[in-house]
Amino acid sequence: MRYGVGNGRRGLALAALLAGLVTGCAAGDGEGNGGSAAAEVAERGASVGAAGSACELPVTFDVAKAWKAKAVDAEAAQDVSEELADLADAFLRQGPVTMACEIDAKPAGNIGFLRVWTGEPGDADARAVLEDFVADEQGAARAKYRSFEAGEVSGSEVEYVTPGGGKETKKAHALAVTTPDGPVVLHLGGLDNEEHEAMLPAYELAKTTLRTTG
């Protein structure tokens, strides 16, 4: 079963263009144990991933209160002009995965998204999927990888930076797990570092409640 399918580097204009398609140098690579037990977790809202939820995915997890999840139909993006189809493909695909779900922080008062990306089944492990995902993000640098566990789910997590305004950089977090239905990547960016830090509890909630649907 194939599950539905940006990232900030392609700009807000392209995100607005694709809004109608929404349907419902690595500096460090030491692998260590995942995240601090003291990490702040957001208040729980709805959950996504299961059949009948806003996004049907190979995994389920809880969404922070007031955040709004919508599925993304990547195939519909191809049913437009050739020029727009190329833009959509560049926005919706990163490394070996395709955007499947976009969870908007705006209703909770922040500017940014937690995005879910899915891929086809294969032999690549979570770390390899995550490395390919980061490598395909323009300007990504200072990546620090570590392993993590959440219940019976284990995978790889990365913290890195991307270009911001001027000489500034912006933080990003992502994690990857593999499932029988293919790999899944969760990515958190943000308008700037302040927004990113404010949204991290929502990312931690998703990570700590992550389960496979199979």
N, C-alpha and C. Protein backbone atom coordinates (compact mmCIF):
# COMPACT_ATOMS: atom_id res chain seq x y z
N MET A 1 0.85 -1.20 0.00
CA MET A 1 0.00 0.00 0.00
C MET A 1 0.87 1.23 0.00
N ARG A 2 0.56 2.16 -0.91
CA ARG A 2 1.32 3.40 -0.93
C ARG A 2 0.56 4.48 -0.20
N TYR A 3 1.25 5.12 0.70
CA TYR A 3 0.61 6.18 1.47
C TYR A 3 0.89 7.50 0.79
N GLY A 4 -0.04 8.47 1.00
CA GLY A 4 0.12 9.76 0.38
C GLY A 4 1.44 10.42 0.64
N VAL A 5 1.69 11.52 0.00
CA VAL A 5 2.93 12.17 0.24
C VAL A 5 2.66 13.43 1.01
N GLY A 6 7.64 20.48 1.83
CA GLY A 6 8.43 20.80 1.69
C GLY A 6 9.43 21.26 2.44
N ASN A 7 9.58 21.62 1.81
CA ASN A 7 10.44 22.13 2.82
C ASN A 7 10.75 23.54 2.57
N GLY A 8 11.12 24.27 3.67
CA GLY A 8 11.19 25.71 3.64
C GLY A 8 12.18 26.25 2.65
N ARG A 9 13.11 25.41 2.21
CA ARG A 9 14.16 25.95 1.36
C ARG A 9 13.65 26.40 0.02
N ARG A 10 12.49 25.91 -0.44
CA ARG A 10 11.97 26.32 -1.74
C ARG A 10 11.07 27.53 -1.65
N GLY A 11 10.84 28.02 -0.42
CA GLY A 11 10.17 29.31 -0.29
C GLY A 11 8.68 29.24 -0.09
N LEU A 12 8.18 30.31 0.51
CA LEU A 12 6.77 30.37 0.84
C LEU A 12 5.89 30.49 -0.40
N ALA A 13 6.42 31.10 -1.47
CA ALA A 13 5.62 31.26 -2.68
C ALA A 13 5.21 29.91 -3.24
N LEU A 14 6.14 28.97 -3.28
CA LEU A 14 5.83 27.66 -3.80
C LEU A 14 4.87 26.93 -2.88
N ALA A 15 5.03 27.12 -1.56
CA ALA A 15 4.11 26.49 -0.62
C ALA A 15 2.69 26.98 -0.87
N ALA A 16 2.55 28.29 -1.14
CA ALA A 16 1.23 28.83 -1.41
C ALA A 16 0.67 28.26 -2.70
N LEU A 17 1.54 28.08 -3.70
CA LEU A 17 1.13 27.54 -4.98
C LEU A 17 0.56 26.14 -4.82
N LEU A 18 1.15 25.37 -3.92
CA LEU A 18 0.76 23.98 -3.75
C LEU A 18 -0.33 23.79 -2.71
N ALA A 19 -0.78 24.88 -2.09
CA ALA A 19 -1.74 24.75 -1.00
C ALA A 19 -3.01 24.03 -1.45
N GLY A 20 -3.38 24.23 -2.71
CA GLY A 20 -4.58 23.59 -3.22
C GLY A 20 -4.45 22.09 -3.34
N LEU A 21 -3.23 21.57 -3.29
CA LEU A 21 -3.01 20.13 -3.40
C LEU A 21 -3.14 19.43 -2.07
N VAL A 22 -3.23 20.20 -0.98
CA VAL A 22 -3.39 19.58 0.34
C VAL A 22 -4.82 19.12 0.49
N THR A 23 -4.97 17.85 0.73
CA THR A 23 -6.30 17.24 0.72
C THR A 23 -6.82 17.00 2.11
N GLY A 24 -7.08 16.98 2.84
CA GLY A 24 -7.83 16.63 4.10
C GLY A 24 -7.28 17.43 5.14
N CYS A 25 28.77 18.44 4.25
CA CYS A 25 29.33 18.70 5.19
C CYS A 25 28.87 18.34 6.55
N ALA A 26 28.33 17.28 6.69
CA ALA A 26 27.86 16.95 8.01
C ALA A 26 29.02 16.96 9.00
N ALA A 27 28.92 17.81 9.99
CA ALA A 27 30.06 18.02 10.89
C ALA A 27 30.16 16.95 11.94
N GLY A 28 29.06 16.39 12.34
CA GLY A 28 29.11 15.36 13.36
C GLY A 28 28.21 14.23 12.97
N ASP A 29 28.69 12.97 13.13
CA ASP A 29 27.82 11.87 12.81
C ASP A 29 27.93 10.76 13.82
N GLY A 30 28.25 11.14 15.07
CA GLY A 30 28.31 10.13 16.11
C GLY A 30 26.93 9.62 16.43
N GLU A 31 26.79 8.30 16.52
CA GLU A 31 25.51 7.68 16.81
C GLU A 31 25.42 7.44 18.30
N GLY A 32 24.42 8.00 18.96
CA GLY A 32 24.27 7.81 20.39
C GLY A 32 22.84 7.54 20.75
N ASN A 33 22.54 7.45 22.00
CA ASN A 33 21.17 7.22 22.42
C ASN A 33 20.34 8.47 22.20
N GLY A 34 19.08 8.28 21.83
CA GLY A 34 18.23 9.39 21.46
C GLY A 34 17.83 10.24 22.62
N GLY A 35 17.67 11.53 22.35
CA GLY A 35 17.14 12.63 23.12
C GLY A 35 17.14 12.55 24.64
N SER A 36 17.11 13.67 25.25
CA SER A 36 17.09 13.75 26.71
C SER A 36 15.72 13.38 27.25
N ALA A 37 15.73 12.64 28.35
CA ALA A 37 14.46 12.26 28.98
C ALA A 37 13.74 13.47 29.52
N ALA A 38 14.46 14.58 29.67
CA ALA A 38 13.86 15.80 30.22
C ALA A 38 13.29 16.70 29.14
N ALA A 39 13.31 16.24 27.87
CA ALA A 39 12.81 17.06 26.78
C ALA A 39 11.33 17.40 27.01
N GLU A 40 10.98 18.64 26.76
CA GLU A 40 9.61 19.09 26.97
C GLU A 40 8.70 18.50 25.91
N VAL A 41 7.54 18.02 26.31
CA VAL A 41 6.57 17.43 25.40
C VAL A 41 5.31 18.27 25.41
N ALA A 42 4.76 18.54 24.23
CA ALA A 42 3.57 19.39 24.12
C ALA A 42 2.33 18.68 24.64
N GLU A 43 1.32 19.48 24.93
CA GLU A 43 0.02 18.92 25.32
C GLU A 43 -0.58 18.18 24.14
N ARG A 44 -1.12 17.03 24.41
CA ARG A 44 -1.62 16.15 23.36
C ARG A 44 -2.94 16.65 22.78
N GLY A 45 -3.04 16.57 21.45
CA GLY A 45 -4.29 16.86 20.76
C GLY A 45 -4.81 15.61 20.08
N ALA A 46 -5.00 15.67 18.78
CA ALA A 46 -5.47 14.52 18.01
C ALA A 46 -4.28 13.60 17.70
N SER A 47 -4.56 12.50 17.05
CA SER A 47 -3.50 11.63 16.55
C SER A 47 -3.69 11.45 15.06
N VAL A 48 -2.61 11.11 14.36
CA VAL A 48 -2.68 10.88 12.92
C VAL A 48 -2.02 9.54 12.60
N GLY A 49 -2.32 9.05 11.41
CA GLY A 49 -1.70 7.83 10.92
C GLY A 49 -2.66 6.69 10.74
N ALA A 50 -3.60 6.52 11.64
CA ALA A 50 -4.54 5.42 11.54
C ALA A 50 -5.58 5.68 10.45
N ALA A 51 -6.21 4.63 10.01
CA ALA A 51 -7.28 4.77 9.02
C ALA A 51 -8.36 5.70 9.56
N GLY A 52 -8.80 6.62 8.73
CA GLY A 52 -9.83 7.57 9.14
C GLY A 52 -9.30 8.84 9.76
N SER A 53 -7.99 8.91 10.04
CA SER A 53 -7.40 10.13 10.59
C SER A 53 -7.09 11.10 9.46
N ALA A 54 -6.65 12.30 9.80
CA ALA A 54 -6.38 13.32 8.79
C ALA A 54 -5.33 12.86 7.78
N CYS A 55 -4.35 12.06 8.23
CA CYS A 55 -3.31 11.51 7.36
C CYS A 55 -3.18 10.03 7.66
N GLU A 56 -3.39 9.18 6.67
CA GLU A 56 -3.20 7.75 6.84
C GLU A 56 -1.76 7.41 6.48
N LEU A 57 -1.01 6.82 7.43
CA LEU A 57 0.42 6.66 7.31
C LEU A 57 0.85 5.27 7.78
N PRO A 58 2.10 4.88 7.51
CA PRO A 58 2.61 3.62 8.05
C PRO A 58 2.89 3.68 9.55
N VAL A 59 2.79 4.87 10.14
CA VAL A 59 2.98 5.06 11.57
C VAL A 59 1.84 5.89 12.13
N THR A 60 1.66 5.83 13.44
CA THR A 60 0.74 6.73 14.12
C THR A 60 1.52 7.52 15.16
N PHE A 61 1.04 8.71 15.47
CA PHE A 61 1.62 9.50 16.55
C PHE A 61 0.65 10.59 16.95
N ASP A 62 0.87 11.17 18.11
CA ASP A 62 0.00 12.23 18.61
C ASP A 62 0.48 13.59 18.11
N VAL A 63 -0.47 14.44 17.82
CA VAL A 63 -0.22 15.79 17.34
C VAL A 63 -0.45 16.76 18.49
N ALA A 64 0.37 17.79 18.59
CA ALA A 64 0.20 18.79 19.65
C ALA A 64 -1.16 19.47 19.55
N LYS A 65 -1.67 19.85 20.70
CA LYS A 65 -2.98 20.49 20.76
C LYS A 65 -3.02 21.73 19.87
N ALA A 66 -4.09 21.84 19.08
CA ALA A 66 -4.39 22.95 18.17
C ALA A 66 -3.64 22.87 16.85
N TRP A 67 -2.61 22.03 16.72
CA TRP A 67 -1.94 21.87 15.43
C TRP A 67 -2.91 21.18 14.45
N LYS A 68 -2.82 21.58 13.18
CA LYS A 68 -3.78 21.10 12.18
C LYS A 68 -3.08 20.23 11.14
N ALA A 69 -3.51 18.97 11.04
CA ALA A 69 -2.90 18.03 10.09
C ALA A 69 -3.73 17.95 8.81
N LYS A 70 -3.04 17.91 7.67
CA LYS A 70 -3.69 17.72 6.37
C LYS A 70 -2.83 16.78 5.53
N ALA A 71 -3.49 15.87 4.84
CA ALA A 71 -2.78 14.98 3.92
C ALA A 71 -2.35 15.75 2.69
N VAL A 72 -1.28 15.29 2.06
CA VAL A 72 -0.75 15.92 0.85
C VAL A 72 -0.81 14.89 -0.27
N ASP A 73 -1.43 15.25 -1.38
CA ASP A 73 -1.58 14.35 -2.52
C ASP A 73 -0.52 14.68 -3.56
N ALA A 74 0.60 13.97 -3.53
CA ALA A 74 1.70 14.24 -4.46
C ALA A 74 1.32 13.89 -5.89
N GLU A 75 0.52 12.85 -6.06
CA GLU A 75 0.16 12.45 -7.41
C GLU A 75 -0.68 13.52 -8.09
N ALA A 76 -1.54 14.20 -7.33
CA ALA A 76 -2.36 15.26 -7.91
C ALA A 76 -1.48 16.40 -8.42
N ALA A 77 -0.31 16.56 -7.82
CA ALA A 77 0.59 17.64 -8.23
C ALA A 77 1.13 17.41 -9.63
N GLN A 78 1.09 16.17 -10.09
CA GLN A 78 1.58 15.88 -11.43
C GLN A 78 0.53 16.17 -12.50
N ASP A 79 -0.71 16.34 -12.10
CA ASP A 79 -1.79 16.59 -13.05
C ASP A 79 -1.98 18.08 -13.31
N VAL A 80 -0.87 18.78 -13.50
CA VAL A 80 -0.88 20.20 -13.81
C VAL A 80 0.07 20.41 -14.97
N SER A 81 0.34 21.65 -15.31
CA SER A 81 1.25 21.91 -16.43
C SER A 81 2.63 21.35 -16.13
N GLU A 82 3.41 21.11 -17.17
CA GLU A 82 4.73 20.51 -17.00
C GLU A 82 5.62 21.36 -16.11
N GLU A 83 5.56 22.68 -16.27
CA GLU A 83 6.39 23.57 -15.47
C GLU A 83 6.04 23.47 -13.99
N LEU A 84 4.74 23.50 -13.69
CA LEU A 84 4.32 23.42 -12.30
C LEU A 84 4.56 22.03 -11.73
N ALA A 85 4.47 21.01 -12.57
CA ALA A 85 4.73 19.65 -12.10
C ALA A 85 6.17 19.52 -11.64
N ASP A 86 7.10 20.15 -12.35
CA ASP A 86 8.51 20.10 -11.94
C ASP A 86 8.71 20.80 -10.60
N LEU A 87 8.04 21.94 -10.42
CA LEU A 87 8.14 22.64 -9.14
C LEU A 87 7.56 21.81 -8.01
N ALA A 88 6.43 21.20 -8.29
CA ALA A 88 5.79 20.37 -7.27
C ALA A 88 6.68 19.20 -6.89
N ASP A 89 7.28 18.58 -7.88
CA ASP A 89 8.15 17.44 -7.60
C ASP A 89 9.33 17.86 -6.74
N ALA A 90 9.91 19.03 -7.03
CA ALA A 90 11.04 19.52 -6.25
C ALA A 90 10.63 19.82 -4.81
N PHE A 91 9.41 20.27 -4.63
CA PHE A 91 8.92 20.62 -3.29
C PHE A 91 8.50 19.40 -2.48
N LEU A 92 7.90 18.43 -3.16
CA LEU A 92 7.27 17.32 -2.46
C LEU A 92 8.16 16.10 -2.29
N ARG A 93 9.30 16.05 -2.97
CA ARG A 93 10.18 14.90 -2.86
C ARG A 93 11.55 15.33 -2.34
N GLN A 94 12.07 14.58 -1.39
CA GLN A 94 13.39 14.88 -0.83
C GLN A 94 14.10 13.58 -0.52
N GLY A 95 15.23 13.37 -1.16
CA GLY A 95 15.93 12.11 -1.00
C GLY A 95 15.03 10.97 -1.44
N PRO A 96 14.91 9.91 -0.62
CA PRO A 96 14.13 8.74 -1.02
C PRO A 96 12.66 8.80 -0.61
N VAL A 97 12.19 9.94 -0.11
CA VAL A 97 10.83 10.01 0.43
C VAL A 97 10.03 11.15 -0.19
N THR A 98 8.72 11.04 -0.03
CA THR A 98 7.78 12.00 -0.60
C THR A 98 6.85 12.51 0.50
N MET A 99 6.54 13.79 0.48
CA MET A 99 5.72 14.36 1.53
C MET A 99 4.33 13.72 1.55
N ALA A 100 3.88 13.32 2.73
CA ALA A 100 2.59 12.66 2.87
C ALA A 100 1.63 13.44 3.76
N CYS A 101 2.15 14.25 4.66
CA CYS A 101 1.30 14.92 5.63
C CYS A 101 1.99 16.19 6.11
N GLU A 102 1.20 17.24 6.27
CA GLU A 102 1.72 18.52 6.72
C GLU A 102 0.90 18.95 7.94
N ILE A 103 1.58 19.15 9.07
CA ILE A 103 0.89 19.50 10.31
C ILE A 103 1.28 20.93 10.68
N ASP A 104 0.33 21.83 10.58
CA ASP A 104 0.55 23.27 10.66
C ASP A 104 0.47 23.75 12.11
N ALA A 105 1.50 24.49 12.52
CA ALA A 105 1.54 25.04 13.87
C ALA A 105 0.79 26.35 14.01
N LYS A 106 0.37 26.93 12.90
CA LYS A 106 -0.24 28.27 12.96
C LYS A 106 -1.43 28.36 13.91
N PRO A 107 -2.35 27.38 13.93
CA PRO A 107 -3.47 27.49 14.87
C PRO A 107 -3.04 27.53 16.33
N ALA A 108 -1.82 27.05 16.61
CA ALA A 108 -1.30 27.08 17.98
C ALA A 108 -0.46 28.32 18.25
N GLY A 109 -0.33 29.20 17.24
CA GLY A 109 0.37 30.45 17.44
C GLY A 109 1.82 30.46 17.00
N ASN A 110 2.27 29.44 16.27
CA ASN A 110 3.64 29.41 15.78
C ASN A 110 3.66 29.36 14.27
N ILE A 111 4.83 29.62 13.70
CA ILE A 111 4.98 29.62 12.24
C ILE A 111 5.92 28.48 11.86
N GLY A 112 5.36 27.43 11.32
CA GLY A 112 6.17 26.29 10.91
C GLY A 112 5.30 25.06 10.77
N PHE A 113 5.94 23.96 10.36
CA PHE A 113 5.22 22.72 10.11
C PHE A 113 6.01 21.53 10.64
N LEU A 114 5.30 20.53 11.08
CA LEU A 114 5.86 19.19 11.24
C LEU A 114 5.40 18.42 10.02
N ARG A 115 6.34 17.97 9.21
CA ARG A 115 5.99 17.30 7.97
C ARG A 115 6.38 15.83 8.02
N VAL A 116 5.54 15.01 7.42
CA VAL A 116 5.78 13.57 7.38
C VAL A 116 6.03 13.17 5.93
N TRP A 117 7.09 12.40 5.73
CA TRP A 117 7.49 11.93 4.40
C TRP A 117 7.52 10.42 4.41
N THR A 118 7.07 9.79 3.33
CA THR A 118 7.07 8.34 3.24
C THR A 118 7.78 7.88 1.98
N GLY A 119 8.27 6.64 2.00
CA GLY A 119 8.97 6.08 0.85
C GLY A 119 8.54 4.66 0.56
N GLU A 120 9.08 4.11 -0.51
CA GLU A 120 8.77 2.75 -0.90
C GLU A 120 9.56 1.75 -0.05
N PRO A 121 9.00 0.56 0.17
CA PRO A 121 9.74 -0.47 0.91
C PRO A 121 11.07 -0.78 0.25
N GLY A 122 12.06 -1.09 1.05
CA GLY A 122 13.40 -1.41 0.53
C GLY A 122 14.30 -1.89 1.64
N ASP A 123 15.59 -1.97 1.32
CA ASP A 123 16.57 -2.52 2.26
C ASP A 123 17.29 -1.45 3.09
N ALA A 124 17.11 -0.17 2.74
CA ALA A 124 17.84 0.89 3.44
C ALA A 124 17.40 0.98 4.89
N ASP A 125 18.36 1.17 5.79
CA ASP A 125 18.00 1.34 7.20
C ASP A 125 17.65 2.80 7.48
N ALA A 126 17.17 3.06 8.69
CA ALA A 126 16.69 4.40 9.03
C ALA A 126 17.78 5.44 8.91
N ARG A 127 18.99 5.12 9.34
CA ARG A 127 20.10 6.07 9.27
C ARG A 127 20.41 6.44 7.82
N ALA A 128 20.43 5.45 6.94
CA ALA A 128 20.72 5.72 5.53
C ALA A 128 19.64 6.59 4.90
N VAL A 129 18.38 6.31 5.23
CA VAL A 129 17.28 7.12 4.72
C VAL A 129 17.43 8.56 5.18
N LEU A 130 17.74 8.74 6.45
CA LEU A 130 17.86 10.08 7.01
C LEU A 130 19.05 10.83 6.40
N GLU A 131 20.16 10.15 6.20
CA GLU A 131 21.32 10.78 5.58
C GLU A 131 21.00 11.25 4.17
N ASP A 132 20.28 10.43 3.40
CA ASP A 132 19.90 10.82 2.04
C ASP A 132 18.93 12.00 2.07
N PHE A 133 18.04 12.02 3.05
CA PHE A 133 17.08 13.11 3.20
C PHE A 133 17.80 14.43 3.46
N VAL A 134 18.73 14.42 4.39
CA VAL A 134 19.48 15.63 4.73
C VAL A 134 20.38 16.06 3.57
N ALA A 135 21.00 15.10 2.90
CA ALA A 135 21.90 15.41 1.78
C ALA A 135 21.17 16.13 0.65
N ASP A 136 19.87 15.89 0.53
CA ASP A 136 19.09 16.50 -0.54
C ASP A 136 18.51 17.85 -0.15
N GLU A 137 18.82 18.33 1.04
CA GLU A 137 18.35 19.65 1.47
C GLU A 137 19.44 20.68 1.24
N GLN A 138 19.16 21.65 0.41
CA GLN A 138 20.15 22.65 0.02
C GLN A 138 20.68 23.40 1.23
N GLY A 139 22.01 23.40 1.38
CA GLY A 139 22.64 24.15 2.45
C GLY A 139 22.65 23.48 3.80
N ALA A 140 22.15 22.26 3.90
CA ALA A 140 22.15 21.55 5.19
C ALA A 140 23.59 21.31 5.65
N ALA A 141 23.84 21.56 6.93
CA ALA A 141 25.20 21.43 7.47
C ALA A 141 25.15 21.10 8.95
N ARG A 142 26.31 20.71 9.47
CA ARG A 142 26.50 20.43 10.90
C ARG A 142 25.52 19.38 11.42
N ALA A 143 25.29 18.35 10.64
CA ALA A 143 24.35 17.29 11.02
C ALA A 143 24.93 16.42 12.13
N LYS A 144 24.13 16.20 13.16
CA LYS A 144 24.52 15.33 14.27
C LYS A 144 23.46 14.23 14.40
N TYR A 145 23.86 13.00 14.16
CA TYR A 145 22.95 11.87 14.17
C TYR A 145 23.01 11.12 15.49
N ARG A 146 21.89 10.53 15.87
CA ARG A 146 21.83 9.67 17.04
C ARG A 146 20.67 8.70 16.88
N SER A 147 20.72 7.61 17.59
CA SER A 147 19.62 6.65 17.57
C SER A 147 18.58 7.07 18.61
N PHE A 148 17.36 6.56 18.45
CA PHE A 148 16.32 6.82 19.45
C PHE A 148 15.39 5.61 19.51
N GLU A 149 14.69 5.50 20.61
CA GLU A 149 13.68 4.47 20.79
C GLU A 149 12.43 5.09 21.38
N ALA A 150 11.28 4.61 20.93
CA ALA A 150 9.99 5.05 21.46
C ALA A 150 9.11 3.81 21.52
N GLY A 151 8.93 3.27 22.71
CA GLY A 151 8.19 2.02 22.82
C GLY A 151 8.92 0.92 22.06
N GLU A 152 8.22 0.28 21.14
CA GLU A 152 8.83 -0.78 20.34
C GLU A 152 9.41 -0.25 19.04
N VAL A 153 9.36 1.06 18.82
CA VAL A 153 9.89 1.67 17.60
C VAL A 153 11.28 2.21 17.86
N SER A 154 12.19 1.96 16.95
CA SER A 154 13.54 2.54 17.03
C SER A 154 13.91 3.09 15.66
N GLY A 155 14.80 4.06 15.66
CA GLY A 155 15.20 4.66 14.41
C GLY A 155 16.38 5.58 14.60
N SER A 156 16.54 6.52 13.69
CA SER A 156 17.65 7.46 13.70
C SER A 156 17.10 8.88 13.71
N GLU A 157 17.82 9.77 14.39
CA GLU A 157 17.40 11.17 14.52
C GLU A 157 18.57 12.07 14.18
N VAL A 158 18.27 13.26 13.65
CA VAL A 158 19.32 14.19 13.28
C VAL A 158 18.92 15.61 13.66
N GLU A 159 19.91 16.38 14.08
CA GLU A 159 19.76 17.83 14.27
C GLU A 159 20.77 18.48 13.35
N TYR A 160 20.34 19.49 12.58
CA TYR A 160 21.24 20.14 11.64
C TYR A 160 20.80 21.59 11.45
N VAL A 161 21.51 22.31 10.62
CA VAL A 161 21.14 23.70 10.34
C VAL A 161 21.02 23.90 8.84
N THR A 162 20.22 24.90 8.46
CA THR A 162 20.08 25.32 7.07
C THR A 162 20.28 26.83 7.01
N PRO A 163 20.53 27.39 5.82
CA PRO A 163 20.73 28.83 5.73
C PRO A 163 19.50 29.61 6.16
N GLY A 164 19.74 30.69 6.93
CA GLY A 164 18.68 31.59 7.33
C GLY A 164 18.87 32.93 6.64
N GLY A 165 18.45 34.00 7.28
CA GLY A 165 18.65 35.32 6.71
C GLY A 165 20.07 35.80 6.93
N GLY A 166 20.70 36.36 5.90
CA GLY A 166 22.06 36.86 6.03
C GLY A 166 23.03 35.75 6.39
N LYS A 167 23.80 35.96 7.47
CA LYS A 167 24.76 34.95 7.90
C LYS A 167 24.17 33.99 8.94
N GLU A 168 22.91 34.18 9.25
CA GLU A 168 22.27 33.34 10.25
C GLU A 168 21.98 31.94 9.69
N THR A 169 21.84 30.98 10.59
CA THR A 169 21.40 29.65 10.22
C THR A 169 20.15 29.30 11.02
N LYS A 170 19.39 28.34 10.51
CA LYS A 170 18.17 27.90 11.18
C LYS A 170 18.31 26.44 11.58
N LYS A 171 17.84 26.10 12.77
CA LYS A 171 17.89 24.73 13.22
C LYS A 171 16.78 23.89 12.59
N ALA A 172 17.06 22.62 12.43
CA ALA A 172 16.06 21.66 11.97
C ALA A 172 16.27 20.34 12.69
N HIS A 173 15.20 19.62 12.91
CA HIS A 173 15.24 18.27 13.47
C HIS A 173 14.49 17.33 12.54
N ALA A 174 14.97 16.11 12.46
CA ALA A 174 14.25 15.09 11.69
C ALA A 174 14.56 13.72 12.29
N LEU A 175 13.64 12.80 12.08
CA LEU A 175 13.87 11.42 12.49
C LEU A 175 13.35 10.51 11.40
N ALA A 176 13.88 9.30 11.38
CA ALA A 176 13.44 8.31 10.40
C ALA A 176 13.27 6.95 11.07
N VAL A 177 12.26 6.24 10.64
CA VAL A 177 12.06 4.85 11.03
C VAL A 177 11.73 4.06 9.77
N THR A 178 11.95 2.76 9.83
CA THR A 178 11.55 1.90 8.72
C THR A 178 10.37 1.05 9.16
N THR A 179 9.47 0.77 8.23
CA THR A 179 8.29 -0.05 8.48
C THR A 179 8.14 -1.03 7.31
N PRO A 180 7.31 -2.04 7.45
CA PRO A 180 7.07 -2.94 6.33
C PRO A 180 6.53 -2.24 5.09
N ASP A 181 5.90 -1.08 5.29
CA ASP A 181 5.35 -0.32 4.17
C ASP A 181 6.31 0.74 3.64
N GLY A 182 7.53 0.75 4.17
CA GLY A 182 8.53 1.71 3.70
C GLY A 182 8.98 2.66 4.80
N PRO A 183 10.01 3.45 4.51
CA PRO A 183 10.53 4.38 5.52
C PRO A 183 9.61 5.57 5.75
N VAL A 184 9.71 6.14 6.95
CA VAL A 184 8.95 7.35 7.30
C VAL A 184 9.92 8.34 7.92
N VAL A 185 9.84 9.59 7.48
CA VAL A 185 10.64 10.67 8.03
C VAL A 185 9.71 11.74 8.60
N LEU A 186 9.97 12.17 9.83
CA LEU A 186 9.29 13.32 10.43
C LEU A 186 10.29 14.46 10.48
N HIS A 187 9.91 15.64 9.99
CA HIS A 187 10.82 16.78 9.91
C HIS A 187 10.18 18.02 10.52
N LEU A 188 10.95 18.73 11.33
CA LEU A 188 10.52 20.00 11.91
C LEU A 188 11.51 21.08 11.53
N GLY A 189 11.01 22.11 10.85
CA GLY A 189 11.83 23.26 10.52
C GLY A 189 11.37 24.46 11.34
N GLY A 190 10.94 25.51 10.64
CA GLY A 190 10.46 26.71 11.33
C GLY A 190 10.95 27.96 10.65
N LEU A 191 10.25 29.06 10.89
CA LEU A 191 10.62 30.34 10.28
C LEU A 191 12.00 30.78 10.71
N ASP A 192 12.32 30.58 11.99
CA ASP A 192 13.63 30.95 12.53
C ASP A 192 13.89 30.08 13.76
N ASN A 193 15.02 30.30 14.40
CA ASN A 193 15.38 29.47 15.54
C ASN A 193 14.41 29.63 16.71
N GLU A 194 13.90 30.84 16.91
CA GLU A 194 12.95 31.06 17.99
C GLU A 194 11.68 30.23 17.78
N GLU A 195 11.17 30.26 16.55
CA GLU A 195 9.98 29.47 16.25
C GLU A 195 10.29 27.97 16.36
N HIS A 196 11.46 27.58 15.91
CA HIS A 196 11.84 26.17 15.98
C HIS A 196 11.86 25.67 17.42
N GLU A 197 12.49 26.44 18.29
CA GLU A 197 12.56 26.04 19.69
C GLU A 197 11.17 25.97 20.32
N ALA A 198 10.29 26.90 19.93
CA ALA A 198 8.94 26.91 20.48
C ALA A 198 8.14 25.70 20.04
N MET A 199 8.48 25.15 18.86
CA MET A 199 7.74 24.01 18.32
C MET A 199 8.35 22.67 18.68
N LEU A 200 9.54 22.66 19.25
CA LEU A 200 10.20 21.40 19.59
C LEU A 200 9.35 20.48 20.48
N PRO A 201 8.59 21.00 21.46
CA PRO A 201 7.76 20.10 22.26
C PRO A 201 6.75 19.30 21.42
N ALA A 202 6.27 19.89 20.33
CA ALA A 202 5.35 19.17 19.45
C ALA A 202 6.08 18.03 18.74
N TYR A 203 7.31 18.29 18.32
CA TYR A 203 8.14 17.25 17.71
C TYR A 203 8.42 16.13 18.70
N GLU A 204 8.73 16.50 19.95
CA GLU A 204 9.00 15.50 20.97
C GLU A 204 7.76 14.65 21.26
N LEU A 205 6.60 15.27 21.26
CA LEU A 205 5.35 14.53 21.45
C LEU A 205 5.19 13.49 20.35
N ALA A 206 5.40 13.92 19.10
CA ALA A 206 5.28 12.99 17.98
C ALA A 206 6.27 11.84 18.13
N LYS A 207 7.50 12.16 18.50
CA LYS A 207 8.54 11.12 18.62
C LYS A 207 8.22 10.12 19.72
N THR A 208 7.81 10.61 20.86
CA THR A 208 7.60 9.72 22.01
C THR A 208 6.33 8.87 21.88
N THR A 209 5.41 9.27 21.01
CA THR A 209 4.18 8.50 20.81
C THR A 209 4.19 7.73 19.50
N LEU A 210 5.29 7.72 18.80
CA LEU A 210 5.37 7.09 17.47
C LEU A 210 5.21 5.57 17.58
N ARG A 211 4.34 5.03 16.75
CA ARG A 211 4.11 3.59 16.67
C ARG A 211 3.86 3.21 15.21
N THR A 212 4.18 2.00 14.83
CA THR A 212 3.85 1.55 13.48
C THR A 212 2.38 1.14 13.44
N THR A 213 1.76 1.29 12.27
CA THR A 213 0.34 0.94 12.13
C THR A 213 0.16 -0.51 11.73
N GLY A 214 1.23 -1.17 11.29
CA GLY A 214 1.11 -2.56 10.85
C GLY A 214 0.96 -3.54 11.98
